[in-house]
C-alpha atoms as a PDB file:
ATOM      1  CA  MET A   1     -20.030  -4.062 -14.385  1.00  0.00           C
ATOM      2  CA  ASN A   2     -23.649  -4.090 -13.433  1.00  0.00           C
ATOM      3  CA  ASN A   3     -26.531  -6.531 -13.509  1.00  0.00           C
ATOM      4  CA  ASN A   4     -26.499  -6.307 -17.316  1.00  0.00           C
ATOM      5  CA  THR A   5     -23.063  -7.898 -17.630  1.00  0.00           C
ATOM      6  CA  LYS A   6     -22.768  -9.706 -20.955  1.00  0.00           C
ATOM      7  CA  ILE A   7     -21.416 -13.237 -20.960  1.00  0.00           C
ATOM      8  CA  ILE A   8     -20.688 -15.388 -23.985  1.00  0.00           C
ATOM      9  CA  LEU A   9     -20.772 -19.073 -23.105  1.00  0.00           C
ATOM     10  CA  PHE A  10     -19.632 -20.968 -26.192  1.00  0.00           C
ATOM     11  CA  HIS A  11     -18.483 -24.399 -27.202  1.00  0.00           C
ATOM     12  CA  ILE A  12     -15.016 -24.493 -28.696  1.00  0.00           C
ATOM     13  CA  ASP A  13     -16.457 -25.801 -31.979  1.00  0.00           C
ATOM     14  CA  ALA A  14     -18.159 -22.426 -32.484  1.00  0.00           C
ATOM     15  CA  LEU A  15     -14.734 -20.979 -33.347  1.00  0.00           C
ATOM     16  CA  GLN A  16     -14.728 -22.932 -36.608  1.00  0.00           C
ATOM     17  CA  ASP A  17     -17.334 -20.486 -37.953  1.00  0.00           C
ATOM     18  CA  LYS A  18     -15.503 -17.272 -38.965  1.00  0.00           C
ATOM     19  CA  LYS A  19     -18.443 -14.966 -38.190  1.00  0.00           C
ATOM     20  CA  LEU A  20     -18.961 -16.475 -34.754  1.00  0.00           C
ATOM     21  CA  LYS A  21     -15.226 -16.389 -34.021  1.00  0.00           C
ATOM     22  CA  ASN A  22     -15.042 -12.690 -34.949  1.00  0.00           C
ATOM     23  CA  TYR A  23     -18.096 -11.950 -32.848  1.00  0.00           C
ATOM     24  CA  ILE A  24     -16.680 -13.768 -29.831  1.00  0.00           C
ATOM     25  CA  TYR A  25     -13.200 -12.238 -29.948  1.00  0.00           C
ATOM     26  CA  ASN A  26     -14.217  -8.724 -30.982  1.00  0.00           C
ATOM     27  CA  ASN A  27     -16.632  -8.366 -28.112  1.00  0.00           C
ATOM     28  CA  ASP A  28     -15.958  -6.955 -24.651  1.00  0.00           C
ATOM     29  CA  SER A  29     -18.204  -9.538 -22.976  1.00  0.00           C
ATOM     30  CA  ILE A  30     -16.960 -12.128 -20.533  1.00  0.00           C
ATOM     31  CA  LYS A  31     -15.976 -15.194 -22.570  1.00  0.00           C
ATOM     32  CA  ILE A  32     -16.410 -18.693 -21.146  1.00  0.00           C
ATOM     33  CA  CYS A  33     -15.178 -21.508 -23.369  1.00  0.00           C
ATOM     34  CA  VAL A  34     -16.806 -24.922 -23.039  1.00  0.00           C
ATOM     35  CA  GLY A  35     -15.199 -28.106 -24.280  1.00  0.00           C
ATOM     36  CA  ASN A  36     -13.074 -31.134 -23.510  1.00  0.00           C
ATOM     37  CA  LYS A  37     -10.023 -30.646 -21.291  1.00  0.00           C
ATOM     38  CA  ARG A  38      -7.545 -31.040 -24.162  1.00  0.00           C
ATOM     39  CA  ASP A  39      -9.373 -28.447 -26.317  1.00  0.00           C
ATOM     40  CA  LEU A  40      -9.822 -25.563 -23.868  1.00  0.00           C
ATOM     41  CA  LEU A  41      -8.367 -22.136 -24.651  1.00  0.00           C
ATOM     42  CA  ASP A  42      -6.072 -19.771 -22.772  1.00  0.00           C
ATOM     43  CA  ASN A  43      -7.541 -16.565 -24.206  1.00  0.00           C
ATOM     44  CA  CYS A  44     -10.935 -16.836 -22.498  1.00  0.00           C
ATOM     45  CA  ASP A  45     -11.956 -15.375 -19.164  1.00  0.00           C
ATOM     46  CA  ALA A  46     -12.797 -18.915 -17.986  1.00  0.00           C
ATOM     47  CA  ASN A  47     -12.980 -22.476 -19.245  1.00  0.00           C
ATOM     48  CA  LEU A  48     -15.588 -25.075 -18.453  1.00  0.00           C
ATOM     49  CA  GLU A  49     -14.749 -28.712 -18.966  1.00  0.00           C
ATOM     50  CA  LEU A  50     -17.486 -31.032 -20.182  1.00  0.00           C
ATOM     51  CA  PRO A  51     -19.431 -32.778 -18.881  1.00  0.00           C
ATOM     52  CA  ALA A  52     -20.623 -30.088 -16.443  1.00  0.00           C
ATOM     53  CA  THR A  53     -23.571 -29.739 -14.109  1.00  0.00           C
ATOM     54  CA  LEU A  54     -25.781 -26.684 -13.952  1.00  0.00           C
ATOM     55  CA  LYS A  55     -24.311 -25.977 -10.516  1.00  0.00           C
ATOM     56  CA  GLU A  56     -20.763 -25.982 -11.997  1.00  0.00           C
ATOM     57  CA  ILE A  57     -21.838 -23.687 -14.848  1.00  0.00           C
ATOM     58  CA  ASN A  58     -23.438 -21.264 -12.397  1.00  0.00           C
ATOM     59  CA  ALA A  59     -20.347 -21.278 -10.157  1.00  0.00           C
ATOM     60  CA  ILE A  60     -18.002 -20.546 -13.075  1.00  0.00           C
ATOM     61  CA  VAL A  61     -20.205 -17.668 -14.276  1.00  0.00           C
ATOM     62  CA  GLU A  62     -20.474 -16.143 -10.781  1.00  0.00           C
ATOM     63  CA  ASN A  63     -16.738 -16.466 -10.079  1.00  0.00           C
ATOM     64  CA  THR A  64     -15.732 -15.021 -13.451  1.00  0.00           C
ATOM     65  CA  VAL A  65     -18.058 -12.032 -13.074  1.00  0.00           C
ATOM     66  CA  ALA A  66     -16.783 -11.419  -9.524  1.00  0.00           C
ATOM     67  CA  LYS A  67     -13.135 -11.527 -10.702  1.00  0.00           C
ATOM     68  CA  LYS A  68     -13.880  -9.089 -13.545  1.00  0.00           C
ATOM     69  CA  LYS A  69     -15.630  -6.672 -11.178  1.00  0.00           C
ATOM     70  CA  PHE A  70     -12.760  -6.905  -8.692  1.00  0.00           C
ATOM     71  CA  ASN A  71     -10.155  -6.141 -11.363  1.00  0.00           C
ATOM     72  CA  ILE A  72     -12.155  -3.233 -12.767  1.00  0.00           C
ATOM     73  CA  ASN A  73     -12.783  -1.717  -9.338  1.00  0.00           C
ATOM     74  CA  SER A  74      -9.149  -2.015  -8.289  1.00  0.00           C
ATOM     75  CA  SER A  75      -7.677  -0.140 -11.257  1.00  0.00           C
ATOM     76  CA  VAL A  76      -8.146   3.616 -11.563  1.00  0.00           C
ATOM     77  CA  LYS A  77      -6.683   6.255 -13.880  1.00  0.00           C
ATOM     78  CA  VAL A  78      -5.588   9.355 -11.990  1.00  0.00           C
ATOM     79  CA  LYS A  79      -4.441  12.137 -14.314  1.00  0.00           C
ATOM     80  CA  ASP A  80      -1.406  10.674 -16.150  1.00  0.00           C
ATOM     81  CA  TYR A  81      -1.043   7.968 -13.519  1.00  0.00           C
ATOM     82  CA  PHE A  82      -2.476   4.517 -12.890  1.00  0.00           C
ATOM     83  CA  LEU A  83      -3.646   3.645  -9.376  1.00  0.00           C
ATOM     84  CA  ASN A  84      -3.672  -0.035  -8.446  1.00  0.00           C
ATOM     85  CA  LYS A  85      -5.714  -0.145  -5.244  1.00  0.00           C
ATOM     86  CA  ASN A  86      -4.903  -3.815  -4.579  1.00  0.00           C
ATOM     87  CA  GLU A  87      -1.155  -3.225  -4.608  1.00  0.00           C
ATOM     88  CA  LYS A  88      -1.562   0.266  -3.095  1.00  0.00           C
ATOM     89  CA  LYS A  89       0.708   1.715  -5.781  1.00  0.00           C
ATOM     90  CA  LEU A  90       0.526   4.762  -8.020  1.00  0.00           C
ATOM     91  CA  PHE A  91       2.306   4.088 -11.338  1.00  0.00           C
ATOM     92  CA  LYS A  92       3.656   6.313 -14.085  1.00  0.00           C
ATOM     93  CA  SER A  93       6.123   5.352 -16.832  1.00  0.00           C
ATOM     94  CA  GLY A  94       7.154   2.106 -15.123  1.00  0.00           C
ATOM     95  CA  GLU A  95       7.885   3.845 -11.810  1.00  0.00           C
ATOM     96  CA  PHE A  96       5.656   3.765  -8.740  1.00  0.00           C
ATOM     97  CA  VAL A  97       5.125   5.039  -5.214  1.00  0.00           C
ATOM     98  CA  ILE A  98       3.491   3.039  -2.457  1.00  0.00           C
ATOM     99  CA  LEU A  99       0.381   4.641  -0.966  1.00  0.00           C
ATOM    100  CA  THR A 100      -1.407   4.267   2.345  1.00  0.00           C
ATOM    101  CA  GLU A 101      -5.131   3.466   2.588  1.00  0.00           C
ATOM    102  CA  LYS A 102      -5.871   7.083   3.543  1.00  0.00           C
ATOM    103  CA  GLU A 103      -3.916   8.390   0.552  1.00  0.00           C
ATOM    104  CA  ILE A 104      -5.961   6.128  -1.717  1.00  0.00           C
ATOM    105  CA  HIS A 105      -9.183   7.393  -0.091  1.00  0.00           C
ATOM    106  CA  LEU A 106      -8.013  10.984  -0.613  1.00  0.00           C
ATOM    107  CA  LEU A 107      -7.354  10.353  -4.311  1.00  0.00           C
ATOM    108  CA  GLU A 108     -10.728   8.662  -4.749  1.00  0.00           C
ATOM    109  CA  LEU A 109     -12.448  11.632  -3.086  1.00  0.00           C
ATOM    110  CA  PHE A 110     -10.652  14.083  -5.391  1.00  0.00           C
ATOM    111  CA  LEU A 111     -11.513  11.973  -8.440  1.00  0.00           C
ATOM    112  CA  ARG A 112     -15.229  11.979  -7.559  1.00  0.00           C
ATOM    113  CA  SER A 113     -15.304  15.752  -7.251  1.00  0.00           C
ATOM    114  CA  ARG A 114     -15.049  18.118 -10.207  1.00  0.00           C
ATOM    115  CA  LYS A 115     -14.428  21.061  -7.861  1.00  0.00           C
ATOM    116  CA  PRO A 116     -12.118  21.675  -4.888  1.00  0.00           C
ATOM    117  CA  VAL A 117     -12.870  19.595  -1.777  1.00  0.00           C
ATOM    118  CA  SER A 118     -12.940  21.473   1.515  1.00  0.00           C
ATOM    119  CA  LYS A 119     -10.902  20.419   4.534  1.00  0.00           C
ATOM    120  CA  ASP A 120     -14.147  19.738   6.442  1.00  0.00           C
ATOM    121  CA  ASN A 121     -15.424  17.502   3.645  1.00  0.00           C
ATOM    122  CA  ILE A 122     -12.108  15.609   3.563  1.00  0.00           C
ATOM    123  CA  LEU A 123     -12.149  15.163   7.350  1.00  0.00           C
ATOM    124  CA  SER A 124     -15.676  13.797   7.353  1.00  0.00           C
ATOM    125  CA  SER A 125     -15.295  11.642   4.190  1.00  0.00           C
ATOM    126  CA  VAL A 126     -11.861  10.134   4.762  1.00  0.00           C
ATOM    127  CA  TRP A 127     -11.462  10.190   8.556  1.00  0.00           C
ATOM    128  CA  ASN A 128     -15.097  10.392   9.750  1.00  0.00           C
ATOM    129  CA  TYR A 129     -14.200  13.414  11.879  1.00  0.00           C
ATOM    130  CA  SER A 130     -16.645  16.165  12.667  1.00  0.00           C
ATOM    131  CA  SER A 131     -16.085  19.477  10.906  1.00  0.00           C
ATOM    132  CA  GLU A 132     -15.455  21.071  14.314  1.00  0.00           C
ATOM    133  CA  ALA A 133     -12.419  18.853  14.963  1.00  0.00           C
ATOM    134  CA  ASP A 134      -9.297  20.961  15.326  1.00  0.00           C
ATOM    135  CA  THR A 135      -6.672  18.885  13.545  1.00  0.00           C
ATOM    136  CA  HIS A 136      -3.896  19.192  11.000  1.00  0.00           C
ATOM    137  CA  THR A 137      -4.561  15.677   9.696  1.00  0.00           C
ATOM    138  CA  VAL A 138      -5.606  16.824   6.219  1.00  0.00           C
ATOM    139  CA  GLU A 139      -2.692  19.206   5.737  1.00  0.00           C
ATOM    140  CA  THR A 140      -0.186  16.629   7.002  1.00  0.00           C
ATOM    141  CA  HIS A 141      -1.457  13.823   4.765  1.00  0.00           C
ATOM    142  CA  ILE A 142      -1.675  16.022   1.690  1.00  0.00           C
ATOM    143  CA  TYR A 143       1.833  17.369   2.352  1.00  0.00           C
ATOM    144  CA  ARG A 144       3.220  13.803   2.594  1.00  0.00           C
ATOM    145  CA  LEU A 145       1.354  12.642  -0.512  1.00  0.00           C
ATOM    146  CA  ARG A 146       2.552  15.666  -2.513  1.00  0.00           C
ATOM    147  CA  LYS A 147       6.111  15.036  -1.335  1.00  0.00           C
ATOM    148  CA  LYS A 148       6.021  11.338  -2.336  1.00  0.00           C
ATOM    149  CA  ILE A 149       4.767  12.206  -5.801  1.00  0.00           C
ATOM    150  CA  ASN A 150       7.090  15.145  -6.316  1.00  0.00           C
ATOM    151  CA  ASP A 151      10.144  13.191  -5.094  1.00  0.00           C
ATOM    152  CA  LYS A 152       9.446  10.261  -7.454  1.00  0.00           C
ATOM    153  CA  PHE A 153       7.788  11.921 -10.459  1.00  0.00           C
ATOM    154  CA  MET A 154       8.837  15.599 -10.186  1.00  0.00           C
ATOM    155  CA  ASP A 155       5.152  16.582 -10.262  1.00  0.00           C
ATOM    156  CA  ASP A 156       4.560  19.562  -8.001  1.00  0.00           C
ATOM    157  CA  LYS A 157       1.087  20.161  -9.481  1.00  0.00           C
ATOM    158  CA  PHE A 158      -0.441  16.807  -8.547  1.00  0.00           C
ATOM    159  CA  ILE A 159      -2.646  18.171  -5.746  1.00  0.00           C
ATOM    160  CA  LEU A 160      -3.389  21.871  -5.706  1.00  0.00           C
ATOM    161  CA  ASN A 161      -5.413  24.000  -3.348  1.00  0.00           C
ATOM    162  CA  LYS A 162      -7.554  27.103  -3.477  1.00  0.00           C
ATOM    163  CA  LYS A 163      -9.500  28.936  -0.846  1.00  0.00           C
ATOM    164  CA  GLU A 164     -12.374  26.466  -1.477  1.00  0.00           C
ATOM    165  CA  GLY A 165     -10.227  23.355  -0.882  1.00  0.00           C
ATOM    166  CA  TYR A 166      -7.939  20.770  -2.451  1.00  0.00           C
ATOM    167  CA  TYR A 167      -8.195  19.288  -5.946  1.00  0.00           C
ATOM    168  CA  LEU A 168      -6.320  17.320  -8.587  1.00  0.00           C
ATOM    169  CA  TRP A 169      -4.969  19.557 -11.302  1.00  0.00           C
ATOM    170  CA  ARG A 170      -6.797  19.090 -14.617  1.00  0.00           C
ATOM    171  CA  LYS A 171      -6.345  21.007 -17.825  1.00  0.00           C
ATOM    172  CA  GLU A 172      -9.877  22.405 -17.573  1.00  0.00           C
ATOM    173  CA  THR A 173      -9.270  23.562 -13.934  1.00  0.00           C
ATOM    174  CA  ARG A 174      -7.728  26.999 -13.514  1.00  0.00           C
END
């Protein structure tokens, strides 16, 4: 979501008009329903009880947008998997593995790159180490992450490596 986030603020009575109702529910905008306490809906992103002050309206809009952004930013598709950054879990077919912060950072780095990521780039991006640092940190973490995923999901092609570096296997990558 950016500064052009669309929000539909509507009174519950608007749902009596079929065209308006279709527009509201077939739209990916944030939906805020306004009405009396007894009339408010469960299928909106937020509800605003009348009477309301401008300050209350502004607070509900800001909070709803922030929640939407948070949810969008915490959920990531990784290959055939689903990464929930809040829970620190990688899911596939109802099963999951628990990840560390560094493993999540590694996956995010691989997702941002369409080509293999060098060990030096990983060290500087994930651990803030200099490229001259003599460490087996990258190899150790990637080994452990591969093992977790292979043990749980039998996926030995999750993270691959070439001379140029490490990458997530994609159909278009050979």
